[in-house]
Amino acid sequence: MNIIQKILVPLQGSPNGSSAIEAGLHFAQTFGAHLSILHVRPDSRDIAPLAGEGISGAMVEEMISSAEAENSERLQKARTTFDTCMAKHNITLTSPSPRERKPGTVSASFSALTGNENEVIAFQARVSDVIVVPHPNAGDEISSSEALHSVLFDSGKPVIIAPSTLPPALGSRVCIGWNGSPESASALQSFLPWAYKAEAVQILYSEEYQRRGPHATEVKDYLAFHGIEASVQEFGVIRNNVGASLLSACDAFKADMLCIGAYSHSRLRQLILGGVTRHVLEHAKLALFMGR
């Protein structure tokens, strides 16, 4: 099940950027895939309309110049982070074109595009197999991060949130959070290549959080059709906190990766993610595979 061939890692200067690159490279090595690092430069010309809001042309030019300098510094930092990681692992650098690499081999490229960060990343994600992003640092950043909302809800592709500190193994012992919903089904289908490669797979469910839909035992049978052996484990919900209970069950299994559906109680992107999703994002120490 070697269908993962292009892994996108947006690199925008996050302090956890190195972990995201390392995680992306690990999965590129697992699947013999291409690692595509993307840096998006904001268009400094977007500042120009401010001239009509009581700001002089000279001030606008100064602001554009300052923005250009800041953008160049961010780009240089991103490129240095990328080059350091590739040199550490002796990875061959190629162009983003698939015509310049042999299918099934590990390769990497760095691209810098100019435009709206969230839009460019979402568009590039649509022609990738999976997106690996750095883990946000704080709860406030998670709930308000437009970039995270963009890749989760606008890309149409699964997203892996890399942990701040990578575990010794990644994708070796994996859990699948299941509640019968369409979102969890979509995440499950996208997660099949990882489940197939894993050494141990466990399906986690709670009768208290089960939605109308197939039971976890049916997921076990579904995975068996794909040649994937999995165990099923029910977890109890402690103090009405499904997210914390789910992570506790992952710890008990010694999982290094969790697959869940991404939920939102509102379709308006500016509102925070659903409670379970948000708790898992804020507190997980393992890699999160999310789809919807």
Protein backbone atom coordinates (compact mmCIF):
# COMPACT_ATOMS: atom_id res chain seq x y z
CA MET A 1 0.00 0.00 0.00
CA ASN A 2 2.64 2.46 -1.17
CA ILE A 3 0.37 5.29 -2.35
CA ILE A 4 2.04 8.08 -0.37
CA GLN A 5 4.41 9.78 -2.79
CA LYS A 6 4.29 13.51 -1.99
CA ILE A 7 4.46 14.89 1.54
CA LEU A 8 4.00 18.63 2.01
CA VAL A 9 5.56 20.47 4.97
CA PRO A 10 4.72 24.18 5.22
CA LEU A 11 7.63 25.93 6.93
CA GLN A 12 6.74 29.40 8.16
CA GLY A 13 9.16 30.04 11.00
CA SER A 14 7.44 28.09 13.79
CA PRO A 15 9.77 27.11 16.65
CA ASN A 16 8.66 23.51 16.06
CA GLY A 17 9.51 23.61 12.36
CA SER A 18 12.48 21.27 12.69
CA SER A 19 10.30 18.57 14.27
CA ALA A 20 7.82 18.84 11.39
CA ILE A 21 10.63 18.42 8.83
CA GLU A 22 12.03 15.44 10.73
CA ALA A 23 8.57 13.84 10.92
CA GLY A 24 7.94 14.50 7.23
CA LEU A 25 11.31 13.01 6.34
CA HIS A 26 10.61 9.95 8.47
CA PHE A 27 7.40 9.30 6.55
CA ALA A 28 9.16 9.99 3.24
CA GLN A 29 11.63 7.27 4.16
CA THR A 30 8.80 4.96 5.24
CA PHE A 31 6.99 5.25 1.91
CA GLY A 32 9.84 6.11 -0.46
CA ALA A 33 8.22 9.50 -1.03
CA HIS A 34 9.15 13.04 -1.96
CA LEU A 35 9.32 15.64 0.80
CA SER A 36 8.14 19.02 -0.44
CA ILE A 37 9.01 21.93 1.86
CA LEU A 38 6.96 25.06 1.19
CA HIS A 39 7.64 28.57 2.45
CA VAL A 40 5.10 31.28 1.66
CA ARG A 41 6.25 34.90 1.47
CA PRO A 42 3.52 37.47 2.16
CA ASP A 43 3.14 39.95 -0.69
CA SER A 44 4.44 43.25 0.69
CA ARG A 45 2.47 45.10 -1.98
CA ASP A 46 -0.67 44.32 0.02
CA ILE A 47 0.39 47.20 2.24
CA ALA A 48 -0.06 49.72 -0.60
CA PRO A 49 -3.85 50.21 -0.11
CA LEU A 50 -3.08 51.73 3.29
CA ALA A 51 -1.99 54.88 1.46
CA GLY A 52 -5.65 55.75 1.06
CA GLU A 53 -6.29 55.53 4.79
CA GLY A 54 -4.43 58.64 5.92
CA ILE A 55 -0.93 57.18 5.59
CA SER A 56 1.52 59.01 3.34
CA GLY A 57 3.19 57.40 0.35
CA ALA A 58 6.59 57.71 2.02
CA MET A 59 5.32 55.85 5.08
CA VAL A 60 3.86 53.11 2.91
CA GLU A 61 7.17 52.71 1.07
CA GLU A 62 8.97 52.44 4.40
CA MET A 63 6.49 49.82 5.59
CA ILE A 64 6.92 47.84 2.36
CA SER A 65 10.70 47.97 2.70
CA SER A 66 10.50 46.78 6.31
CA ALA A 67 8.13 43.97 5.34
CA GLU A 68 10.44 42.86 2.54
CA ALA A 69 13.39 42.71 4.94
CA GLU A 70 11.36 40.70 7.45
CA ASN A 71 10.12 38.34 4.74
CA SER A 72 13.66 37.76 3.49
CA GLU A 73 14.84 36.98 7.02
CA ARG A 74 12.05 34.46 7.55
CA LEU A 75 12.81 32.82 4.21
CA GLN A 76 16.51 32.55 5.08
CA LYS A 77 15.72 30.97 8.45
CA ALA A 78 13.36 28.46 6.81
CA ARG A 79 15.93 27.56 4.18
CA THR A 80 18.68 27.15 6.79
CA THR A 81 16.47 24.87 8.88
CA PHE A 82 15.70 22.77 5.81
CA ASP A 83 19.31 22.56 4.59
CA THR A 84 20.57 21.59 8.05
CA CYS A 85 18.09 18.73 8.32
CA MET A 86 18.78 17.44 4.81
CA ALA A 87 22.55 17.53 5.36
CA LYS A 88 22.14 15.68 8.66
CA HIS A 89 20.35 12.81 6.91
CA ASN A 90 22.31 13.01 3.63
CA ILE A 91 19.15 13.50 1.56
CA THR A 92 19.42 14.33 -2.13
CA LEU A 93 17.81 17.64 -3.07
CA THR A 94 15.80 17.83 -6.28
CA SER A 95 13.44 20.23 -7.99
CA PRO A 96 9.73 19.92 -7.13
CA SER A 97 9.16 18.26 -10.52
CA PRO A 98 8.43 14.51 -10.37
CA ARG A 99 10.26 14.06 -13.68
CA GLU A 100 13.59 14.54 -11.96
CA ARG A 101 13.31 11.73 -9.44
CA LYS A 102 12.96 7.98 -9.55
CA PRO A 103 9.58 6.83 -8.17
CA GLY A 104 9.83 5.18 -4.79
CA THR A 105 13.04 6.95 -3.77
CA VAL A 106 13.43 9.47 -0.98
CA SER A 107 13.98 13.01 -2.20
CA ALA A 108 13.32 16.54 -1.01
CA SER A 109 12.78 20.01 -2.43
CA PHE A 110 12.34 23.55 -1.13
CA SER A 111 9.97 26.03 -2.73
CA ALA A 112 9.22 29.66 -1.85
CA LEU A 113 5.98 31.14 -3.18
CA THR A 114 4.47 34.57 -2.70
CA GLY A 115 0.84 35.15 -1.73
CA ASN A 116 -1.69 34.67 1.03
CA GLU A 117 -0.16 32.09 3.36
CA ASN A 118 -3.32 30.16 4.21
CA GLU A 119 -4.59 30.09 0.64
CA VAL A 120 -1.28 29.07 -0.95
CA ILE A 121 -0.71 26.28 1.57
CA ALA A 122 -4.26 24.94 1.15
CA PHE A 123 -3.94 25.00 -2.65
CA GLN A 124 -0.57 23.21 -2.61
CA ALA A 125 -1.94 20.67 -0.14
CA ARG A 126 -4.65 19.69 -2.61
CA VAL A 127 -1.98 18.27 -4.92
CA SER A 128 -0.13 16.45 -2.14
CA ASP A 129 -0.91 13.18 -0.38
CA VAL A 130 -0.58 14.44 3.18
CA ILE A 131 0.46 17.62 4.99
CA VAL A 132 2.78 17.60 8.00
CA VAL A 133 2.60 20.72 10.16
CA PRO A 134 4.40 21.80 13.34
CA HIS A 135 2.56 21.46 16.61
CA PRO A 136 1.18 24.80 17.86
CA ASN A 137 2.69 25.91 21.14
CA ALA A 138 -0.32 27.11 23.11
CA GLY A 139 -4.07 26.72 23.43
CA ASP A 140 -4.78 30.24 22.25
CA GLU A 141 -2.73 29.62 19.12
CA ILE A 142 -4.58 26.40 18.42
CA SER A 143 -8.06 27.93 18.67
CA SER A 144 -7.21 30.98 16.59
CA SER A 145 -4.71 29.57 14.11
CA GLU A 146 -6.04 30.29 10.64
CA ALA A 147 -3.20 28.25 9.15
CA LEU A 148 -4.28 25.14 11.06
CA HIS A 149 -7.93 25.67 10.14
CA SER A 150 -6.89 26.13 6.53
CA VAL A 151 -5.10 22.80 6.19
CA LEU A 152 -7.72 20.92 8.19
CA PHE A 153 -10.83 22.29 6.50
CA ASP A 154 -9.77 23.78 3.15
CA SER A 155 -7.16 21.38 1.77
CA GLY A 156 -9.28 18.27 1.31
CA LYS A 157 -6.31 16.18 2.46
CA PRO A 158 -5.28 14.56 5.75
CA VAL A 159 -2.99 16.44 8.10
CA ILE A 160 -0.32 15.17 10.48
CA ILE A 161 0.50 17.43 13.42
CA ALA A 162 4.06 16.59 14.40
CA PRO A 163 4.82 16.50 18.13
CA SER A 164 7.21 19.12 19.48
CA THR A 165 9.60 16.33 20.45
CA LEU A 166 9.67 13.30 18.17
CA PRO A 167 9.44 9.90 19.88
CA PRO A 168 12.09 7.22 19.18
CA ALA A 169 9.58 5.48 16.90
CA LEU A 170 6.96 7.18 14.75
CA GLY A 171 4.10 5.23 13.21
CA SER A 172 5.13 1.98 14.89
CA ARG A 173 2.32 1.65 17.44
CA VAL A 174 -0.78 3.49 16.26
CA CYS A 175 -4.26 4.10 17.61
CA ILE A 176 -7.41 4.89 15.68
CA GLY A 177 -10.03 6.93 17.51
CA TRP A 178 -13.45 5.78 16.32
CA ASN A 179 -16.98 7.02 17.01
CA GLY A 180 -18.84 5.95 13.86
CA SER A 181 -19.02 9.45 12.34
CA PRO A 182 -18.31 10.37 8.70
CA GLU A 183 -15.26 12.35 9.85
CA SER A 184 -13.73 9.36 11.62
CA ALA A 185 -14.48 7.19 8.57
CA SER A 186 -12.72 9.64 6.27
CA ALA A 187 -9.70 9.79 8.58
CA LEU A 188 -9.63 5.98 8.78
CA GLN A 189 -9.58 5.58 5.00
CA SER A 190 -6.75 8.08 4.60
CA PHE A 191 -4.82 6.42 7.43
CA LEU A 192 -4.72 2.97 5.80
CA PRO A 193 -1.13 3.32 4.46
CA TRP A 194 0.13 4.11 7.97
CA ALA A 195 -1.91 1.35 9.60
CA TYR A 196 -0.54 -1.10 7.02
CA LYS A 197 3.05 -0.15 7.89
CA ALA A 198 2.54 -0.14 11.67
CA GLU A 199 3.72 -2.94 13.94
CA ALA A 200 0.65 -2.70 16.18
CA VAL A 201 -2.78 -1.12 15.62
CA GLN A 202 -5.49 -0.52 18.20
CA ILE A 203 -9.01 0.84 17.62
CA LEU A 204 -10.20 2.98 20.51
CA TYR A 205 -13.87 3.70 21.16
CA SER A 206 -16.21 4.73 23.94
CA GLU A 207 -19.87 3.81 24.14
CA GLU A 208 -20.45 7.22 25.75
CA TYR A 209 -19.09 9.00 22.68
CA GLN A 210 -20.33 6.65 19.96
CA ARG A 211 -22.38 8.33 17.21
CA ARG A 212 -24.90 6.64 14.92
CA GLY A 213 -22.78 4.47 12.66
CA PRO A 214 -20.66 1.31 12.51
CA HIS A 215 -19.26 -0.10 15.71
CA ALA A 216 -15.50 -0.40 16.34
CA THR A 217 -15.67 -4.17 15.80
CA GLU A 218 -16.79 -3.49 12.23
CA VAL A 219 -13.73 -1.27 11.78
CA LYS A 220 -11.58 -4.21 12.82
CA ASP A 221 -13.19 -6.32 10.08
CA TYR A 222 -12.75 -3.50 7.56
CA LEU A 223 -9.04 -3.30 8.35
CA ALA A 224 -8.77 -7.09 8.01
CA PHE A 225 -9.98 -6.79 4.39
CA HIS A 226 -6.86 -4.65 3.84
CA GLY A 227 -4.60 -7.19 5.50
CA ILE A 228 -4.28 -5.14 8.68
CA GLU A 229 -4.64 -6.86 12.05
CA ALA A 230 -5.96 -4.65 14.84
CA SER A 231 -7.21 -4.96 18.40
CA VAL A 232 -10.28 -3.16 19.79
CA GLN A 233 -10.24 -1.37 23.14
CA GLU A 234 -13.06 0.48 24.85
CA PHE A 235 -12.09 3.42 27.06
CA GLY A 236 -14.17 5.01 29.78
CA VAL A 237 -14.77 8.75 29.78
CA ILE A 238 -13.30 10.33 32.91
CA ARG A 239 -14.94 13.51 34.27
CA ASN A 240 -16.80 13.94 30.99
CA ASN A 241 -13.51 14.66 29.18
CA VAL A 242 -13.41 12.49 26.06
CA GLY A 243 -10.18 14.03 24.76
CA ALA A 244 -8.23 13.36 27.96
CA SER A 245 -9.62 9.84 28.19
CA LEU A 246 -8.68 9.12 24.59
CA LEU A 247 -5.11 10.29 25.15
CA SER A 248 -4.90 8.22 28.34
CA ALA A 249 -5.90 5.14 26.32
CA CYS A 250 -3.17 5.97 23.79
CA ASP A 251 -0.63 6.16 26.61
CA ALA A 252 -1.73 2.77 27.90
CA PHE A 253 -1.10 1.29 24.46
CA LYS A 254 2.25 3.14 24.24
CA ALA A 255 1.09 4.63 20.95
CA ASP A 256 3.29 7.07 19.03
CA MET A 257 0.55 8.12 16.59
CA LEU A 258 -3.20 8.71 16.82
CA CYS A 259 -5.68 8.92 13.94
CA ILE A 260 -8.89 10.87 14.57
CA GLY A 261 -11.49 12.79 12.63
CA ALA A 262 -11.34 16.57 12.91
CA TYR A 263 -14.56 18.02 14.21
CA SER A 264 -15.93 21.53 14.45
CA HIS A 265 -19.19 22.52 16.12
CA SER A 266 -19.52 25.30 13.57
CA ARG A 267 -18.76 25.53 9.90
CA LEU A 268 -17.53 29.09 10.40
CA ARG A 269 -13.77 28.84 10.30
CA GLN A 270 -13.22 31.68 12.73
CA LEU A 271 -14.80 29.73 15.59
CA ILE A 272 -12.74 27.33 17.68
CA LEU A 273 -12.39 23.65 16.93
CA GLY A 274 -14.67 21.17 18.65
CA GLY A 275 -13.88 20.30 22.28
CA VAL A 276 -12.41 16.82 21.74
CA THR A 277 -10.29 17.90 18.79
CA ARG A 278 -9.03 20.96 20.62
CA HIS A 279 -8.13 19.04 23.80
CA VAL A 280 -6.20 16.44 21.83
CA LEU A 281 -4.33 19.13 19.90
CA GLU A 282 -3.42 21.00 23.06
CA HIS A 283 -2.28 18.05 25.14
CA ALA A 284 -1.09 15.26 22.82
CA LYS A 285 2.58 14.30 23.00
CA LEU A 286 2.30 11.92 20.06
CA ALA A 287 1.85 12.53 16.34
CA LEU A 288 -1.75 13.30 15.34
CA PHE A 289 -3.21 12.17 12.02
CA MET A 290 -6.38 14.12 11.30
CA GLY A 291 -8.88 13.96 8.45
CA ARG A 292 -12.45 15.01 7.85
